[in-house]
N, C-alpha and C. Protein backbone atom coordinates (compact mmCIF):
# COMPACT_ATOMS: atom_id res chain seq x y z
N MET A 1 149.13 33.17 180.29
CA MET A 1 148.75 33.87 179.35
C MET A 1 147.11 34.02 179.14
N SER A 2 146.82 35.28 179.10
CA SER A 2 145.16 35.39 179.12
C SER A 2 144.37 34.90 177.74
N LYS A 3 143.61 34.81 177.61
CA LYS A 3 142.86 34.49 176.23
C LYS A 3 141.96 35.75 175.89
N HIS A 4 142.22 36.33 174.45
CA HIS A 4 141.37 37.38 173.93
C HIS A 4 140.12 37.32 174.31
N ARG A 5 139.31 37.84 175.22
CA ARG A 5 137.60 38.17 175.12
C ARG A 5 136.77 39.14 174.28
N ALA A 6 136.30 38.59 173.92
CA ALA A 6 135.05 39.44 173.26
C ALA A 6 133.67 39.84 173.51
N HIS A 7 133.43 41.55 173.94
CA HIS A 7 132.67 41.97 174.95
C HIS A 7 131.69 42.53 173.71
N SER A 8 130.29 42.31 174.34
CA SER A 8 129.42 43.07 173.48
C SER A 8 129.39 44.37 173.25
N PRO A 9 129.10 45.06 171.99
CA PRO A 9 128.64 46.69 172.16
C PRO A 9 127.72 47.54 172.89
N GLU A 10 126.91 46.52 173.64
CA GLU A 10 126.44 46.92 174.60
C GLU A 10 127.13 46.94 175.80
N PHE A 11 128.02 46.25 176.41
CA PHE A 11 128.82 46.35 177.41
C PHE A 11 129.87 47.06 177.08
N LYS A 12 130.71 46.93 176.36
CA LYS A 12 131.64 48.32 175.94
C LYS A 12 130.95 50.05 175.97
N ALA A 13 129.36 50.02 175.67
CA ALA A 13 128.85 51.28 175.53
C ALA A 13 128.98 51.22 177.09
N GLY A 14 128.26 50.97 177.56
CA GLY A 14 127.87 50.72 179.04
C GLY A 14 129.48 51.16 180.38
N VAL A 15 130.45 50.40 180.16
CA VAL A 15 131.90 50.99 180.42
C VAL A 15 131.87 51.82 179.82
N ALA A 16 131.84 52.57 178.60
CA ALA A 16 132.27 53.86 178.46
C ALA A 16 131.60 55.03 178.70
N MET A 17 130.16 54.48 179.02
CA MET A 17 129.15 55.68 179.36
C MET A 17 129.87 56.14 181.37
N GLU A 18 129.94 54.81 181.82
CA GLU A 18 130.66 55.00 182.97
C GLU A 18 131.89 55.71 183.23
N ALA A 19 132.56 55.50 182.01
CA ALA A 19 133.87 56.27 182.24
C ALA A 19 133.95 57.94 181.76
N ILE A 20 132.86 58.17 181.20
CA ILE A 20 132.33 59.53 180.76
C ILE A 20 131.97 60.66 181.91
N SER A 21 130.56 59.65 182.45
CA SER A 21 129.96 60.36 183.30
C SER A 21 131.04 60.56 184.43
N GLY A 22 132.44 60.51 185.20
CA GLY A 22 133.39 60.74 185.65
C GLY A 22 133.55 60.58 187.22
N ARG A 23 131.93 59.97 187.35
CA ARG A 23 132.16 59.18 189.00
C ARG A 23 133.27 58.42 189.46
N LYS A 24 133.38 57.42 188.79
CA LYS A 24 135.14 56.93 188.91
C LYS A 24 136.08 57.41 188.48
N PRO A 25 136.95 56.66 188.82
CA PRO A 25 137.88 56.66 188.25
C PRO A 25 138.47 55.34 187.21
N LEU A 26 139.24 55.63 186.20
CA LEU A 26 139.04 54.95 185.47
C LEU A 26 139.79 53.62 185.87
N GLN A 27 141.15 53.50 186.44
CA GLN A 27 141.38 52.58 187.38
C GLN A 27 139.76 51.57 188.11
N GLU A 28 139.62 52.18 188.63
CA GLU A 28 138.12 51.70 189.45
C GLU A 28 137.25 50.75 188.48
N ILE A 29 136.41 51.68 187.40
CA ILE A 29 136.02 51.38 186.69
C ILE A 29 136.59 50.02 185.73
N ALA A 30 137.82 50.17 185.21
CA ALA A 30 138.65 49.14 185.31
C ALA A 30 138.47 47.90 185.60
N ALA A 31 138.90 47.52 187.20
CA ALA A 31 138.57 46.65 188.29
C ALA A 31 137.34 46.17 188.55
N ASP A 32 136.51 47.34 188.09
CA ASP A 32 134.81 46.59 188.45
C ASP A 32 134.72 45.65 187.39
N HIS A 33 135.03 46.18 185.90
CA HIS A 33 134.42 45.05 184.91
C HIS A 33 135.78 44.24 183.95
N ALA A 34 136.76 44.05 184.97
CA ALA A 34 138.19 42.79 184.57
C ALA A 34 138.33 43.13 183.19
N VAL A 35 138.35 44.50 183.17
CA VAL A 35 139.31 44.80 181.68
C VAL A 35 140.20 45.89 182.02
N HIS A 36 141.86 45.81 180.89
CA HIS A 36 142.36 46.90 181.32
C HIS A 36 141.93 48.64 180.96
N MET A 37 142.55 49.26 181.70
CA MET A 37 142.54 51.04 182.27
C MET A 37 142.24 51.36 180.87
N ILE A 38 143.42 50.71 180.14
CA ILE A 38 143.69 51.14 178.08
C ILE A 38 142.49 50.82 177.56
N GLN A 39 141.96 50.04 177.77
CA GLN A 39 140.96 49.33 176.50
C GLN A 39 139.90 50.19 177.16
N VAL A 40 139.28 50.84 178.49
CA VAL A 40 138.32 51.39 179.09
C VAL A 40 138.45 53.03 178.34
N SER A 41 139.82 53.39 178.37
CA SER A 41 139.65 54.39 177.75
C SER A 41 139.63 54.58 176.07
N GLN A 42 140.11 53.49 175.72
CA GLN A 42 139.86 53.66 174.22
C GLN A 42 138.16 53.23 173.73
N TRP A 43 137.63 52.62 174.46
CA TRP A 43 135.90 52.21 174.21
C TRP A 43 135.55 53.96 174.41
N LYS A 44 135.98 54.43 175.66
CA LYS A 44 135.51 55.81 175.84
C LYS A 44 135.86 56.64 174.31
N LYS A 45 136.77 56.80 173.98
CA LYS A 45 137.63 57.72 173.04
C LYS A 45 136.54 57.73 171.89
N GLN A 46 135.97 56.27 171.50
CA GLN A 46 135.30 55.60 170.24
C GLN A 46 134.01 56.01 170.36
N LEU A 47 133.41 56.16 171.61
CA LEU A 47 132.22 56.52 172.04
C LEU A 47 132.02 58.20 171.78
N LEU A 48 132.97 58.50 172.05
CA LEU A 48 132.67 60.54 171.83
C LEU A 48 133.20 60.80 170.48
N GLY A 49 133.52 60.18 169.96
CA GLY A 49 133.93 59.96 168.65
C GLY A 49 133.16 59.96 167.59
N ASN A 50 132.20 59.27 168.19
CA ASN A 50 130.94 58.77 167.53
C ASN A 50 129.95 58.51 167.97
N PRO A 51 129.36 59.14 168.88
CA PRO A 51 128.21 59.93 169.42
C PRO A 51 126.89 59.07 169.06
N HIS A 52 126.79 59.62 168.13
CA HIS A 52 125.63 59.06 167.21
C HIS A 52 125.21 57.76 166.92
N LEU A 53 126.03 56.85 167.05
CA LEU A 53 126.12 55.36 166.85
C LEU A 53 125.87 54.81 167.59
N THR A 54 124.77 53.85 167.65
CA THR A 54 124.29 52.79 168.30
C THR A 54 125.02 51.72 168.58
N PRO A 55 125.43 51.20 170.08
CA PRO A 55 126.06 50.04 170.08
C PRO A 55 126.38 48.80 169.11
N ARG A 56 125.10 48.56 168.25
CA ARG A 56 125.24 47.33 166.85
C ARG A 56 126.45 48.27 165.52
N ASP A 57 125.76 49.44 165.74
CA ASP A 57 126.84 50.39 164.86
C ASP A 57 128.14 50.31 165.45
N GLN A 58 128.42 50.09 166.55
CA GLN A 58 130.09 50.27 167.23
C GLN A 58 130.32 48.97 167.04
N GLU A 59 129.56 47.85 167.39
CA GLU A 59 130.33 46.42 166.64
C GLU A 59 130.88 46.28 165.12
N THR A 60 129.81 47.09 164.30
CA THR A 60 130.80 46.89 163.31
C THR A 60 131.53 47.77 162.91
N LEU A 61 131.90 48.85 163.00
CA LEU A 61 133.68 49.54 163.39
C LEU A 61 134.81 48.77 164.34
N ASP A 62 133.87 47.69 165.55
CA ASP A 62 134.99 47.24 166.06
C ASP A 62 135.33 45.69 164.89
N SER A 63 134.72 45.79 163.61
CA SER A 63 134.95 44.23 163.46
C SER A 63 136.38 44.22 162.61
N PRO A 64 136.53 43.43 162.81
CA PRO A 64 138.26 43.02 161.55
C PRO A 64 138.43 42.89 160.41
N GLN A 65 137.20 42.68 159.59
CA GLN A 65 136.96 42.61 158.46
C GLN A 65 135.49 43.09 157.98
N ASP A 66 135.83 43.83 157.18
CA ASP A 66 135.01 44.85 156.43
C ASP A 66 134.20 43.86 155.44
N GLU A 67 132.98 43.75 155.93
CA GLU A 67 131.74 42.81 154.60
C GLU A 67 132.09 43.59 152.75
N ARG A 68 132.39 44.62 152.86
CA ARG A 68 132.70 45.05 151.79
C ARG A 68 133.59 45.22 150.96
N TYR A 69 134.60 44.55 152.03
CA TYR A 69 135.83 44.17 150.62
C TYR A 69 136.27 42.54 150.77
N SER A 70 135.02 42.06 151.09
CA SER A 70 135.03 40.41 151.11
C SER A 70 135.02 39.51 150.30
N ASN A 71 134.74 40.13 148.48
CA ASN A 71 134.55 39.15 148.05
C ASN A 71 135.64 38.59 147.42
């Protein structure tokens, strides 16, 4: 079984932008970056749903714990 890998927000945004460009099929993008095609699709949807966010803001969205509720 493989380990869960954490990808940087910059990596996610770069892969998502590549998918949005449409120059390559999702399968090829996923293979080039060693991630699953569904993951590429999810990152693409996140970026399209929040285009105003910077990669650092996206990291906050992806974080499993919300700092506001950690009291």
